Amino acid sequence: MILETGDTLFVSHRRMFERDEARYFLGKTISCDGPIVKVIGYSFVRDLANGGILKKEERRIKILSLDSPGYIVYQLPGDIDVDAADIKCDDGEAVLHEGGRGLMNLAERTHCGHF
């Protein structure tokens, strides 16, 4: 098995259509069975009012198939506190943070249109 219980995963929902909004999930694996993984953590959705990304307050358990083309799954360092992690948006960039450290730049375009 490539994943183990307690691994930290960041899941990006692949957008299938031009107007689909970005959706993310950050969590820890509870169990794995072949391509099926059970993860507990937090969903993140686009705030349509200001364009930022909001972390939903309640923890969720998701069951995902890694065989699905609808997900892009990243394994992050195991010491990440998913309860403390958040996505900060500034100047056209979105960065996954935990405490004072930046973990992953989520920008879809380099330079945010600035050269």
N, C-alpha and C. Protein backbone atom coordinates (compact mmCIF):
# COMPACT_ATOMS: atom_id res chain seq x y z
N MET A 1 0.85 -1.18 0.00
CA MET A 1 0.00 0.00 0.00
C MET A 1 0.89 1.24 0.00
N ILE A 2 0.57 2.17 -0.85
CA ILE A 2 1.38 3.38 -0.98
C ILE A 2 1.07 4.40 0.12
N LEU A 3 -0.16 4.39 0.65
CA LEU A 3 -0.54 5.28 1.74
C LEU A 3 -0.72 4.48 3.02
N GLU A 4 -0.48 5.17 4.14
CA GLU A 4 -0.64 4.53 5.44
C GLU A 4 -1.56 5.37 6.32
N THR A 5 -2.11 4.76 7.35
CA THR A 5 -2.94 5.48 8.30
C THR A 5 -2.12 6.62 8.91
N GLY A 6 -2.72 7.80 8.97
CA GLY A 6 -2.05 8.97 9.53
C GLY A 6 -1.35 9.84 8.51
N ASP A 7 -1.26 9.40 7.26
CA ASP A 7 -0.66 10.24 6.22
C ASP A 7 -1.52 11.48 6.01
N THR A 8 -0.88 12.60 5.68
CA THR A 8 -1.58 13.85 5.42
C THR A 8 -1.81 14.00 3.93
N LEU A 9 -3.07 14.20 3.54
CA LEU A 9 -3.40 14.34 2.13
C LEU A 9 -4.08 15.68 1.87
N PHE A 10 -3.73 16.27 0.75
CA PHE A 10 -4.41 17.47 0.26
C PHE A 10 -5.04 17.09 -1.07
N VAL A 11 -6.36 17.25 -1.16
CA VAL A 11 -7.10 16.81 -2.34
C VAL A 11 -7.68 18.04 -3.05
N SER A 12 -7.39 18.14 -4.31
CA SER A 12 -7.97 19.18 -5.15
C SER A 12 -9.00 18.52 -6.05
N HIS A 13 -10.21 19.04 -6.04
CA HIS A 13 -11.25 18.50 -6.92
C HIS A 13 -11.00 19.05 -8.32
N ARG A 14 -10.81 18.17 -9.27
CA ARG A 14 -10.54 18.59 -10.64
C ARG A 14 -11.78 19.29 -11.19
N ARG A 15 -11.56 20.47 -11.74
CA ARG A 15 -12.67 21.22 -12.34
C ARG A 15 -12.91 20.71 -13.75
N MET A 16 -14.13 20.35 -14.02
CA MET A 16 -14.48 19.76 -15.31
C MET A 16 -15.01 20.80 -16.31
N PHE A 17 -15.50 21.93 -15.78
CA PHE A 17 -16.09 22.95 -16.63
C PHE A 17 -15.51 24.31 -16.27
N GLU A 18 -15.56 25.23 -17.20
CA GLU A 18 -14.94 26.55 -17.04
C GLU A 18 -15.41 27.28 -15.80
N ARG A 19 -16.67 27.17 -15.47
CA ARG A 19 -17.22 27.92 -14.33
C ARG A 19 -17.21 27.15 -13.01
N ASP A 20 -16.66 25.97 -13.00
CA ASP A 20 -16.54 25.21 -11.74
C ASP A 20 -15.63 25.97 -10.79
N GLU A 21 -16.01 26.01 -9.53
CA GLU A 21 -15.19 26.67 -8.51
C GLU A 21 -14.17 25.70 -7.92
N ALA A 22 -13.06 26.24 -7.46
CA ALA A 22 -12.03 25.42 -6.82
C ALA A 22 -12.57 24.88 -5.49
N ARG A 23 -12.34 23.59 -5.23
CA ARG A 23 -12.70 22.96 -3.96
C ARG A 23 -11.52 22.09 -3.53
N TYR A 24 -11.26 22.12 -2.23
CA TYR A 24 -10.12 21.39 -1.69
C TYR A 24 -10.53 20.64 -0.43
N PHE A 25 -9.71 19.68 -0.05
CA PHE A 25 -9.90 18.94 1.20
C PHE A 25 -8.52 18.62 1.77
N LEU A 26 -8.33 18.87 3.07
CA LEU A 26 -7.08 18.57 3.76
C LEU A 26 -7.40 17.65 4.93
N GLY A 27 -6.71 16.52 5.02
CA GLY A 27 -7.00 15.62 6.11
C GLY A 27 -5.94 14.55 6.31
N LYS A 28 -6.21 13.70 7.30
CA LYS A 28 -5.35 12.57 7.63
C LYS A 28 -6.08 11.28 7.28
N THR A 29 -5.33 10.33 6.74
CA THR A 29 -5.94 9.05 6.38
C THR A 29 -6.32 8.28 7.64
N ILE A 30 -7.51 7.69 7.62
CA ILE A 30 -7.99 6.83 8.69
C ILE A 30 -7.73 5.38 8.31
N SER A 31 -8.00 5.07 7.05
CA SER A 31 -7.74 3.71 6.55
C SER A 31 -7.63 3.74 5.03
N CYS A 32 -7.01 2.70 4.51
CA CYS A 32 -6.82 2.55 3.06
C CYS A 32 -7.09 1.10 2.69
N ASP A 33 -7.71 0.92 1.53
CA ASP A 33 -7.94 -0.42 1.01
C ASP A 33 -7.84 -0.33 -0.51
N GLY A 34 -6.72 -0.73 -1.05
CA GLY A 34 -6.49 -0.58 -2.48
C GLY A 34 -6.54 0.89 -2.85
N PRO A 35 -7.35 1.25 -3.86
CA PRO A 35 -7.43 2.65 -4.27
C PRO A 35 -8.41 3.47 -3.44
N ILE A 36 -9.07 2.85 -2.46
CA ILE A 36 -10.05 3.55 -1.63
C ILE A 36 -9.36 4.04 -0.36
N VAL A 37 -9.58 5.33 -0.05
CA VAL A 37 -8.97 5.90 1.15
C VAL A 37 -10.05 6.65 1.93
N LYS A 38 -10.02 6.49 3.25
CA LYS A 38 -10.94 7.19 4.16
C LYS A 38 -10.10 8.26 4.86
N VAL A 39 -10.57 9.51 4.78
CA VAL A 39 -9.79 10.65 5.27
C VAL A 39 -10.67 11.51 6.17
N ILE A 40 -10.11 11.99 7.28
CA ILE A 40 -10.82 12.92 8.15
C ILE A 40 -10.10 14.26 8.10
N GLY A 41 -10.89 15.33 7.92
CA GLY A 41 -10.27 16.65 7.83
C GLY A 41 -11.29 17.72 7.49
N TYR A 42 -10.85 18.69 6.70
CA TYR A 42 -11.64 19.89 6.44
C TYR A 42 -11.78 20.17 4.95
N SER A 43 -12.97 20.64 4.59
CA SER A 43 -13.22 21.09 3.22
C SER A 43 -12.95 22.58 3.12
N PHE A 44 -12.52 23.00 1.95
CA PHE A 44 -12.28 24.41 1.64
C PHE A 44 -13.06 24.74 0.37
N VAL A 45 -13.76 25.88 0.40
CA VAL A 45 -14.56 26.30 -0.76
C VAL A 45 -14.31 27.77 -1.06
N ARG A 46 -14.58 28.15 -2.28
CA ARG A 46 -14.42 29.55 -2.70
C ARG A 46 -15.49 30.41 -2.05
N ASP A 47 -15.08 31.56 -1.50
CA ASP A 47 -16.02 32.55 -0.96
C ASP A 47 -16.43 33.45 -2.13
N LEU A 48 -17.65 33.30 -2.58
CA LEU A 48 -18.10 34.04 -3.75
C LEU A 48 -18.20 35.54 -3.48
N ALA A 49 -18.25 35.95 -2.22
CA ALA A 49 -18.36 37.37 -1.88
C ALA A 49 -17.05 38.12 -2.13
N ASN A 50 -15.91 37.47 -1.80
CA ASN A 50 -14.64 38.19 -1.94
C ASN A 50 -13.59 37.45 -2.76
N GLY A 51 -13.91 36.26 -3.23
CA GLY A 51 -12.96 35.51 -4.06
C GLY A 51 -11.94 34.72 -3.28
N GLY A 52 -11.95 34.83 -1.95
CA GLY A 52 -11.01 34.06 -1.13
C GLY A 52 -11.46 32.61 -1.00
N ILE A 53 -10.75 31.87 -0.18
CA ILE A 53 -11.09 30.46 0.06
C ILE A 53 -11.36 30.28 1.54
N LEU A 54 -12.51 29.71 1.87
CA LEU A 54 -12.93 29.53 3.26
C LEU A 54 -12.77 28.08 3.69
N LYS A 55 -12.31 27.90 4.93
CA LYS A 55 -12.24 26.57 5.54
C LYS A 55 -13.56 26.34 6.27
N LYS A 56 -14.24 25.26 5.95
CA LYS A 56 -15.48 24.93 6.67
C LYS A 56 -15.12 24.52 8.09
N GLU A 57 -15.95 24.93 9.05
CA GLU A 57 -15.63 24.75 10.47
C GLU A 57 -15.68 23.30 10.93
N GLU A 58 -16.60 22.52 10.40
CA GLU A 58 -16.77 21.16 10.92
C GLU A 58 -15.85 20.18 10.20
N ARG A 59 -15.33 19.24 11.01
CA ARG A 59 -14.53 18.14 10.44
C ARG A 59 -15.46 17.23 9.66
N ARG A 60 -14.91 16.66 8.61
CA ARG A 60 -15.68 15.73 7.78
C ARG A 60 -14.87 14.48 7.54
N ILE A 61 -15.57 13.40 7.29
CA ILE A 61 -14.91 12.16 6.87
C ILE A 61 -15.30 11.94 5.42
N LYS A 62 -14.30 11.81 4.56
CA LYS A 62 -14.55 11.56 3.14
C LYS A 62 -13.97 10.22 2.75
N ILE A 63 -14.67 9.56 1.87
CA ILE A 63 -14.17 8.31 1.29
C ILE A 63 -13.93 8.60 -0.18
N LEU A 64 -12.68 8.45 -0.60
CA LEU A 64 -12.27 8.81 -1.95
C LEU A 64 -11.70 7.61 -2.67
N SER A 65 -11.90 7.58 -3.97
CA SER A 65 -11.24 6.58 -4.80
C SER A 65 -10.09 7.26 -5.52
N LEU A 66 -8.89 6.78 -5.27
CA LEU A 66 -7.73 7.34 -5.94
C LEU A 66 -7.72 7.00 -7.42
N ASP A 67 -8.58 6.08 -7.84
CA ASP A 67 -8.74 5.75 -9.26
C ASP A 67 -9.54 6.81 -10.01
N SER A 68 -10.24 7.66 -9.28
CA SER A 68 -11.12 8.64 -9.90
C SER A 68 -10.31 9.75 -10.57
N PRO A 69 -10.65 10.10 -11.82
CA PRO A 69 -9.97 11.21 -12.47
C PRO A 69 -10.44 12.56 -11.93
N GLY A 70 -11.41 12.57 -11.02
CA GLY A 70 -11.96 13.80 -10.48
C GLY A 70 -11.15 14.41 -9.36
N TYR A 71 -10.09 13.74 -8.92
CA TYR A 71 -9.28 14.24 -7.81
C TYR A 71 -7.81 14.33 -8.20
N ILE A 72 -7.16 15.36 -7.70
CA ILE A 72 -5.70 15.44 -7.74
C ILE A 72 -5.28 15.35 -6.28
N VAL A 73 -4.51 14.33 -5.92
CA VAL A 73 -4.19 14.05 -4.52
C VAL A 73 -2.70 14.26 -4.29
N TYR A 74 -2.37 15.08 -3.27
CA TYR A 74 -0.99 15.35 -2.89
C TYR A 74 -0.75 14.79 -1.49
N GLN A 75 0.39 14.17 -1.28
CA GLN A 75 0.77 13.76 0.07
C GLN A 75 1.69 14.84 0.63
N LEU A 76 1.34 15.34 1.81
CA LEU A 76 2.09 16.40 2.46
C LEU A 76 2.83 15.83 3.67
N PRO A 77 3.75 16.60 4.26
CA PRO A 77 4.47 16.11 5.44
C PRO A 77 3.51 15.68 6.55
N GLY A 78 3.85 14.61 7.24
CA GLY A 78 2.99 14.02 8.25
C GLY A 78 2.81 14.85 9.51
N ASP A 79 3.69 15.83 9.74
CA ASP A 79 3.61 16.62 10.98
C ASP A 79 2.66 17.81 10.88
N ILE A 80 1.93 17.93 9.79
CA ILE A 80 1.01 19.06 9.62
C ILE A 80 -0.18 18.89 10.55
N ASP A 81 -0.52 19.98 11.26
CA ASP A 81 -1.71 20.02 12.11
C ASP A 81 -2.88 20.48 11.24
N VAL A 82 -3.70 19.55 10.78
CA VAL A 82 -4.78 19.91 9.86
C VAL A 82 -5.81 20.83 10.52
N ASP A 83 -5.93 20.78 11.85
CA ASP A 83 -6.85 21.67 12.55
C ASP A 83 -6.39 23.12 12.46
N ALA A 84 -5.08 23.34 12.43
CA ALA A 84 -4.53 24.69 12.40
C ALA A 84 -4.29 25.20 10.98
N ALA A 85 -4.28 24.33 10.00
CA ALA A 85 -3.98 24.73 8.63
C ALA A 85 -5.13 25.54 8.03
N ASP A 86 -4.77 26.44 7.11
CA ASP A 86 -5.75 27.27 6.43
C ASP A 86 -5.18 27.69 5.09
N ILE A 87 -6.02 28.22 4.23
CA ILE A 87 -5.57 28.74 2.94
C ILE A 87 -5.69 30.25 2.99
N LYS A 88 -4.57 30.93 2.75
CA LYS A 88 -4.54 32.40 2.77
C LYS A 88 -4.46 32.89 1.33
N CYS A 89 -5.30 33.86 1.03
CA CYS A 89 -5.33 34.45 -0.31
C CYS A 89 -4.87 35.89 -0.23
N ASP A 90 -3.93 36.25 -1.12
CA ASP A 90 -3.42 37.61 -1.14
C ASP A 90 -2.81 37.88 -2.51
N ASP A 91 -3.14 39.01 -3.08
CA ASP A 91 -2.56 39.45 -4.36
C ASP A 91 -2.69 38.39 -5.45
N GLY A 92 -3.84 37.73 -5.50
CA GLY A 92 -4.09 36.75 -6.54
C GLY A 92 -3.52 35.37 -6.29
N GLU A 93 -2.84 35.18 -5.16
CA GLU A 93 -2.28 33.88 -4.84
C GLU A 93 -3.07 33.24 -3.71
N ALA A 94 -3.09 31.92 -3.70
CA ALA A 94 -3.69 31.15 -2.61
C ALA A 94 -2.62 30.17 -2.13
N VAL A 95 -2.31 30.24 -0.83
CA VAL A 95 -1.24 29.41 -0.27
C VAL A 95 -1.77 28.66 0.95
N LEU A 96 -1.55 27.35 0.97
CA LEU A 96 -1.89 26.53 2.13
C LEU A 96 -0.84 26.78 3.20
N HIS A 97 -1.30 27.21 4.39
CA HIS A 97 -0.42 27.53 5.52
C HIS A 97 -0.77 26.67 6.72
N GLU A 98 0.21 26.43 7.55
CA GLU A 98 -0.01 25.80 8.86
C GLU A 98 0.95 26.48 9.81
N GLY A 99 0.37 27.19 10.80
CA GLY A 99 1.21 27.99 11.67
C GLY A 99 1.87 29.08 10.83
N GLY A 100 3.17 29.22 10.97
CA GLY A 100 3.90 30.23 10.22
C GLY A 100 4.51 29.74 8.93
N ARG A 101 4.28 28.49 8.59
CA ARG A 101 4.95 27.97 7.38
C ARG A 101 3.98 27.81 6.21
N GLY A 102 4.45 28.22 5.06
CA GLY A 102 3.71 28.00 3.84
C GLY A 102 3.96 26.58 3.36
N LEU A 103 2.90 25.86 3.03
CA LEU A 103 3.04 24.46 2.65
C LEU A 103 2.93 24.23 1.16
N MET A 104 2.03 24.97 0.50
CA MET A 104 1.80 24.71 -0.91
C MET A 104 1.14 25.91 -1.56
N ASN A 105 1.72 26.37 -2.68
CA ASN A 105 1.12 27.44 -3.46
C ASN A 105 0.06 26.83 -4.36
N LEU A 106 -1.16 27.30 -4.25
CA LEU A 106 -2.27 26.74 -5.00
C LEU A 106 -2.64 27.56 -6.23
N ALA A 107 -1.85 28.60 -6.53
CA ALA A 107 -2.15 29.46 -7.68
C ALA A 107 -2.17 28.64 -8.96
N GLU A 108 -3.15 28.91 -9.78
CA GLU A 108 -3.29 28.18 -11.04
C GLU A 108 -2.47 28.80 -12.16
N ARG A 109 -2.06 30.03 -11.97
CA ARG A 109 -1.26 30.69 -12.99
C ARG A 109 -0.03 31.28 -12.33
N THR A 110 1.10 31.15 -12.99
CA THR A 110 2.32 31.72 -12.43
C THR A 110 2.26 33.24 -12.51
N HIS A 111 2.88 33.89 -11.59
CA HIS A 111 3.01 35.34 -11.52
C HIS A 111 1.68 36.06 -11.34
N CYS A 112 0.59 35.34 -11.19
CA CYS A 112 -0.74 35.93 -10.98
C CYS A 112 -1.05 37.01 -12.02
N GLY A 113 -0.50 36.86 -13.20
CA GLY A 113 -0.74 37.83 -14.26
C GLY A 113 0.20 39.01 -14.22
N HIS A 114 1.12 39.06 -13.24
CA HIS A 114 2.07 40.17 -13.12
C HIS A 114 3.43 39.74 -13.64
N PHE A 115 4.06 40.58 -14.41
CA PHE A 115 5.40 40.27 -14.92
C PHE A 115 6.38 41.34 -14.54
